[in-house]
Amino acid sequence: MGNYVPVKYYFDRELALRLTELIHPFYPGFDQNAFIELVTKEVANKELKARVEVFADALKQNLPSDYPQAIAILLKIIGPENKTEKGMFTNGYFLMPVAYFVEKYGLEYFDHSFHAMYEITKRHTAEYAIRPYLIADTNSSMTYLQDWITDPNPHVRRLVSEGTRPRLPWAKKIPPLKNDLENNLSLLESLLHDTSPYVQKSVANHLNDLTKESPEQVLVWLDQLMKANHHVNRKIIKNGLRTLVKLEHEHALKLLRKVE
């Protein structure tokens, strides 16, 4: 095995050069030298997230100031869809600055930004980019998410679950949508029998998050679904209740016996 290289070191002069080569054909006015110089100077001694932000800010300075124009250019460089179900650092890590660009600069342009996140997540992930949008306008965000639940692409369906997790790792904790767990549960309901292992893992993790917020509400909801013969994936339920099982929560153990 080769030596492990921390992900932060991918965000360096070499990546700046690669991005300028990708952008220039679609935006000849892109100041390649200014972009490379700025990135190289600013990323030194910074950690991963700060490096990604440097790239996003440098893109902001060198692309058209009009956000819809800028994001349209960036969507032309994102490359082919990720056909695997491997994680975001395996493929498409170079899209992290594009996702961060949406996260930081696109809040006033919901349509453009949700379209961008939809395309980015099929190649990388938009689970962090979507968080400020959920907080800024939950209702509008929910409208997009309801559409995405039935999307044929598993990466898009996964984003519905992963992006709305209250305790998403490496992200700022957020409350349940509109401070009501029911909103999260309504998004997860039809994903409880998703065929994609990638989506299943996310739904289980999301359920596990919710059991830390309001365990009884989650268990009552699952009970009701099962009584109504709603198809639930046993593996998702088992994985989603793992924290309660560790705590030997009586209701959780009883419910698991029903799905055995």
Protein backbone atom coordinates (compact mmCIF):
# COMPACT_ATOMS: atom_id res chain seq x y z
CA MET A 1 0.00 0.00 0.00
CA GLY A 2 1.17 3.51 -0.80
CA ASN A 3 1.51 6.21 1.81
CA TYR A 4 -1.77 7.84 2.85
CA VAL A 5 -2.02 11.48 1.80
CA PRO A 6 -4.41 13.61 3.92
CA VAL A 7 -7.23 14.97 1.76
CA LYS A 8 -6.32 18.58 2.55
CA TYR A 9 -3.15 18.28 0.46
CA TYR A 10 -5.21 17.78 -2.69
CA PHE A 11 -6.25 21.42 -2.37
CA ASP A 12 -3.05 22.99 -3.58
CA ARG A 13 -1.45 24.74 -6.54
CA GLU A 14 -1.87 21.64 -8.71
CA LEU A 15 -5.63 21.60 -8.22
CA ALA A 16 -5.79 25.36 -8.85
CA LEU A 17 -4.03 24.73 -12.16
CA ARG A 18 -6.44 21.92 -13.02
CA LEU A 19 -9.48 24.10 -12.28
CA THR A 20 -8.20 26.97 -14.41
CA GLU A 21 -7.70 24.57 -17.33
CA LEU A 22 -11.27 23.33 -16.91
CA ILE A 23 -12.85 26.78 -16.53
CA HIS A 24 -10.95 28.73 -19.20
CA PRO A 25 -12.67 27.17 -22.29
CA PHE A 26 -16.08 28.15 -20.84
CA TYR A 27 -14.99 31.54 -19.52
CA PRO A 28 -12.02 32.98 -21.41
CA GLY A 29 -12.04 36.01 -19.09
CA PHE A 30 -10.93 33.84 -16.17
CA ASP A 31 -7.67 35.27 -14.78
CA GLN A 32 -5.71 32.06 -14.48
CA ASN A 33 -2.56 33.55 -13.00
CA ALA A 34 -4.42 35.58 -10.37
CA PHE A 35 -6.44 32.50 -9.35
CA ILE A 36 -3.40 30.20 -9.07
CA GLU A 37 -1.36 32.82 -7.21
CA LEU A 38 -4.14 33.61 -4.74
CA VAL A 39 -4.86 29.94 -3.98
CA THR A 40 -1.19 28.99 -3.61
CA LYS A 41 -0.54 31.85 -1.17
CA GLU A 42 -3.70 31.38 0.91
CA VAL A 43 -3.85 27.57 1.37
CA ALA A 44 -0.47 27.31 3.06
CA ASN A 45 -0.72 26.07 6.67
CA LYS A 46 -4.51 25.73 6.51
CA GLU A 47 -6.66 22.69 7.29
CA LEU A 48 -9.09 21.03 4.86
CA LYS A 49 -12.22 23.15 5.26
CA ALA A 50 -10.26 26.40 5.26
CA ARG A 51 -8.44 25.32 2.09
CA VAL A 52 -11.74 24.51 0.36
CA GLU A 53 -13.03 27.96 1.35
CA VAL A 54 -9.93 29.58 -0.13
CA PHE A 55 -10.74 27.91 -3.46
CA ALA A 56 -14.40 28.97 -3.29
CA ASP A 57 -13.46 32.58 -2.49
CA ALA A 58 -10.88 32.66 -5.28
CA LEU A 59 -13.53 31.37 -7.70
CA LYS A 60 -15.87 34.13 -6.51
CA GLN A 61 -13.20 36.76 -7.20
CA ASN A 62 -12.39 35.51 -10.69
CA LEU A 63 -15.76 34.41 -12.09
CA PRO A 64 -18.58 36.78 -13.15
CA SER A 65 -20.02 38.60 -10.12
CA ASP A 66 -23.51 37.49 -11.21
CA TYR A 67 -24.12 34.24 -9.27
CA PRO A 68 -26.36 32.53 -11.87
CA GLN A 69 -23.70 33.18 -14.53
CA ALA A 70 -20.89 31.95 -12.29
CA ILE A 71 -22.65 28.75 -11.23
CA ALA A 72 -23.60 27.99 -14.86
CA ILE A 73 -19.88 28.07 -15.74
CA LEU A 74 -18.96 25.84 -12.78
CA LEU A 75 -21.62 23.28 -13.71
CA LYS A 76 -19.89 22.89 -17.08
CA ILE A 77 -16.69 21.59 -15.45
CA ILE A 78 -18.11 19.03 -13.01
CA GLY A 79 -17.53 16.03 -15.25
CA PRO A 80 -19.40 12.72 -15.56
CA GLU A 81 -21.75 11.34 -12.92
CA ASN A 82 -20.37 8.96 -10.30
CA LYS A 83 -21.91 5.62 -11.25
CA THR A 84 -20.61 3.89 -8.12
CA GLU A 85 -21.89 4.11 -4.58
CA LYS A 86 -18.48 4.90 -3.19
CA GLY A 87 -18.10 7.87 -0.88
CA MET A 88 -17.36 11.43 -1.75
CA PHE A 89 -13.60 11.31 -1.13
CA THR A 90 -13.14 8.38 -3.49
CA ASN A 91 -14.42 10.32 -6.48
CA GLY A 92 -14.95 13.97 -7.20
CA TYR A 93 -13.14 15.55 -4.24
CA PHE A 94 -12.17 18.44 -6.56
CA LEU A 95 -15.85 19.44 -6.55
CA MET A 96 -15.72 20.38 -2.86
CA PRO A 97 -14.95 24.04 -3.70
CA VAL A 98 -17.88 24.11 -6.17
CA ALA A 99 -20.22 22.77 -3.46
CA TYR A 100 -18.80 25.28 -1.00
CA PHE A 101 -19.31 28.07 -3.55
CA VAL A 102 -23.03 27.17 -3.59
CA GLU A 103 -23.11 26.93 0.21
CA LYS A 104 -21.52 30.32 0.75
CA TYR A 105 -22.72 32.47 -2.14
CA GLY A 106 -25.98 31.05 -3.50
CA LEU A 107 -28.56 31.57 -0.74
CA GLU A 108 -30.41 34.31 -2.60
CA TYR A 109 -30.83 32.06 -5.65
CA PHE A 110 -32.71 28.95 -4.46
CA ASP A 111 -33.60 27.63 -7.94
CA HIS A 112 -30.09 27.97 -9.34
CA SER A 113 -28.52 26.57 -6.18
CA PHE A 114 -30.81 23.56 -5.82
CA HIS A 115 -30.25 22.74 -9.47
CA ALA A 116 -26.49 22.99 -8.82
CA MET A 117 -26.68 20.80 -5.70
CA TYR A 118 -28.73 18.25 -7.62
CA GLU A 119 -25.95 17.98 -10.23
CA ILE A 120 -23.06 18.15 -7.75
CA THR A 121 -24.45 15.38 -5.54
CA LYS A 122 -24.54 12.97 -8.51
CA ARG A 123 -20.77 13.39 -8.73
CA HIS A 124 -19.65 14.26 -5.21
CA THR A 125 -22.02 15.36 -2.40
CA ALA A 126 -24.07 18.42 -1.45
CA GLU A 127 -24.89 17.27 2.08
CA TYR A 128 -23.00 20.22 3.61
CA ALA A 129 -23.96 22.80 0.98
CA ILE A 130 -27.68 22.20 1.57
CA ARG A 131 -27.60 22.95 5.32
CA PRO A 132 -27.83 26.78 5.19
CA TYR A 133 -30.73 26.48 2.73
CA LEU A 134 -32.67 24.21 5.11
CA ILE A 135 -32.29 26.86 7.82
CA ALA A 136 -32.95 29.90 5.59
CA ASP A 137 -36.18 28.60 4.01
CA THR A 138 -37.31 25.18 5.20
CA ASN A 139 -40.56 25.22 3.19
CA SER A 140 -38.88 25.87 -0.16
CA SER A 141 -36.18 23.31 0.64
CA MET A 142 -38.81 20.68 1.51
CA THR A 143 -40.46 21.21 -1.89
CA TYR A 144 -37.23 20.22 -3.68
CA LEU A 145 -36.58 17.34 -1.27
CA GLN A 146 -40.07 15.86 -1.78
CA ASP A 147 -39.31 15.72 -5.51
CA TRP A 148 -35.92 14.13 -4.95
CA ILE A 149 -37.27 11.25 -2.81
CA THR A 150 -38.37 9.45 -5.99
CA ASP A 151 -35.37 10.41 -8.14
CA PRO A 152 -33.88 7.45 -10.04
CA ASN A 153 -30.37 8.43 -8.93
CA PRO A 154 -29.42 6.97 -5.50
CA HIS A 155 -27.03 9.86 -4.80
CA VAL A 156 -29.96 12.29 -5.04
CA ARG A 157 -32.18 10.15 -2.80
CA ARG A 158 -29.33 9.84 -0.31
CA LEU A 159 -29.00 13.64 -0.21
CA VAL A 160 -32.62 13.90 1.01
CA SER A 161 -31.69 11.80 4.04
CA GLU A 162 -28.06 12.79 4.62
CA GLY A 163 -28.44 16.54 4.11
CA THR A 164 -31.27 16.80 6.65
CA ARG A 165 -29.62 14.74 9.42
CA PRO A 166 -29.67 16.73 12.67
CA ARG A 167 -26.23 15.40 13.67
CA LEU A 168 -24.41 15.07 10.37
CA PRO A 169 -20.70 14.39 11.10
CA TRP A 170 -18.34 17.33 10.39
CA ALA A 171 -21.34 19.66 10.04
CA LYS A 172 -22.98 22.12 12.38
CA LYS A 173 -25.79 20.41 14.30
CA ILE A 174 -29.23 21.53 13.12
CA PRO A 175 -32.65 20.98 14.73
CA PRO A 176 -35.25 18.77 13.04
CA LEU A 177 -36.86 20.53 10.06
CA LYS A 178 -39.15 23.35 11.27
CA ASN A 179 -38.38 22.06 14.78
CA ASP A 180 -40.72 19.16 14.15
CA LEU A 181 -39.43 15.60 13.89
CA GLU A 182 -42.51 14.72 11.78
CA ASN A 183 -40.96 16.60 8.84
CA ASN A 184 -37.83 14.45 8.93
CA LEU A 185 -39.88 11.28 9.34
CA SER A 186 -42.10 12.18 6.38
CA LEU A 187 -38.99 12.46 4.16
CA LEU A 188 -37.63 9.13 5.39
CA GLU A 189 -40.88 7.17 5.09
CA SER A 190 -40.55 6.04 1.48
CA LEU A 191 -36.78 5.64 1.82
CA LEU A 192 -37.26 2.94 4.49
CA HIS A 193 -37.38 0.36 1.71
CA ASP A 194 -34.91 1.96 -0.70
CA THR A 195 -33.00 -0.60 -2.76
CA SER A 196 -29.67 1.25 -2.64
CA PRO A 197 -27.27 0.23 0.18
CA TYR A 198 -25.86 3.77 0.03
CA VAL A 199 -29.32 5.25 0.77
CA GLN A 200 -30.10 2.56 3.35
CA LYS A 201 -26.99 3.43 5.35
CA SER A 202 -27.89 7.12 5.35
CA VAL A 203 -31.51 6.49 6.41
CA ALA A 204 -30.31 4.29 9.29
CA ASN A 205 -27.86 6.98 10.42
CA HIS A 206 -30.60 9.62 10.17
CA LEU A 207 -32.96 7.46 12.27
CA ASN A 208 -30.18 6.97 14.81
CA ASP A 209 -29.77 10.78 15.01
CA LEU A 210 -33.52 11.19 15.57
CA THR A 211 -33.57 8.60 18.37
CA LYS A 212 -31.17 10.91 20.22
CA GLU A 213 -33.67 13.77 19.84
CA SER A 214 -36.93 11.97 20.61
CA PRO A 215 -36.69 8.18 20.87
CA GLU A 216 -40.32 7.49 21.74
CA GLN A 217 -41.65 9.50 18.79
CA VAL A 218 -39.44 7.54 16.36
CA LEU A 219 -40.47 4.18 17.85
CA VAL A 220 -44.20 5.00 17.80
CA TRP A 221 -43.85 6.09 14.16
CA LEU A 222 -42.08 2.85 13.18
CA ASP A 223 -44.65 0.81 15.09
CA GLN A 224 -47.50 2.51 13.22
CA LEU A 225 -45.86 1.92 9.85
CA MET A 226 -45.35 -1.74 10.59
CA LYS A 227 -48.97 -2.14 11.79
CA ALA A 228 -50.07 -0.57 8.49
CA ASN A 229 -47.93 -3.15 6.64
CA HIS A 230 -45.62 -0.42 5.33
CA HIS A 231 -42.60 -2.17 3.87
CA VAL A 232 -39.55 -1.48 6.03
CA ASN A 233 -36.06 -2.79 5.53
CA ARG A 234 -35.11 -4.78 8.64
CA LYS A 235 -31.44 -3.86 8.28
CA ILE A 236 -32.26 -0.13 8.26
CA ILE A 237 -34.40 -0.46 11.41
CA LYS A 238 -31.76 -2.51 13.23
CA ASN A 239 -28.97 -0.09 12.32
CA GLY A 240 -31.18 2.95 12.99
CA LEU A 241 -32.00 1.82 16.53
CA ARG A 242 -28.43 0.84 17.42
CA THR A 243 -27.97 3.52 20.11
CA LEU A 244 -31.24 2.58 21.81
CA VAL A 245 -30.28 -1.10 21.65
CA LYS A 246 -26.96 -0.32 23.37
CA LEU A 247 -28.95 1.47 26.07
CA GLU A 248 -31.22 -1.60 26.28
CA HIS A 249 -34.24 0.60 25.61
CA GLU A 250 -37.24 -1.65 26.23
CA HIS A 251 -39.53 -0.30 23.48
CA ALA A 252 -36.71 -0.46 20.89
CA LEU A 253 -35.89 -4.08 21.76
CA LYS A 254 -39.59 -5.03 21.58
CA LEU A 255 -39.93 -3.37 18.17
CA LEU A 256 -36.84 -5.15 16.84
CA ARG A 257 -38.28 -8.50 17.85
CA LYS A 258 -41.22 -7.72 15.55
CA VAL A 259 -38.94 -7.30 12.52
CA GLU A 260 -36.90 -10.43 13.21
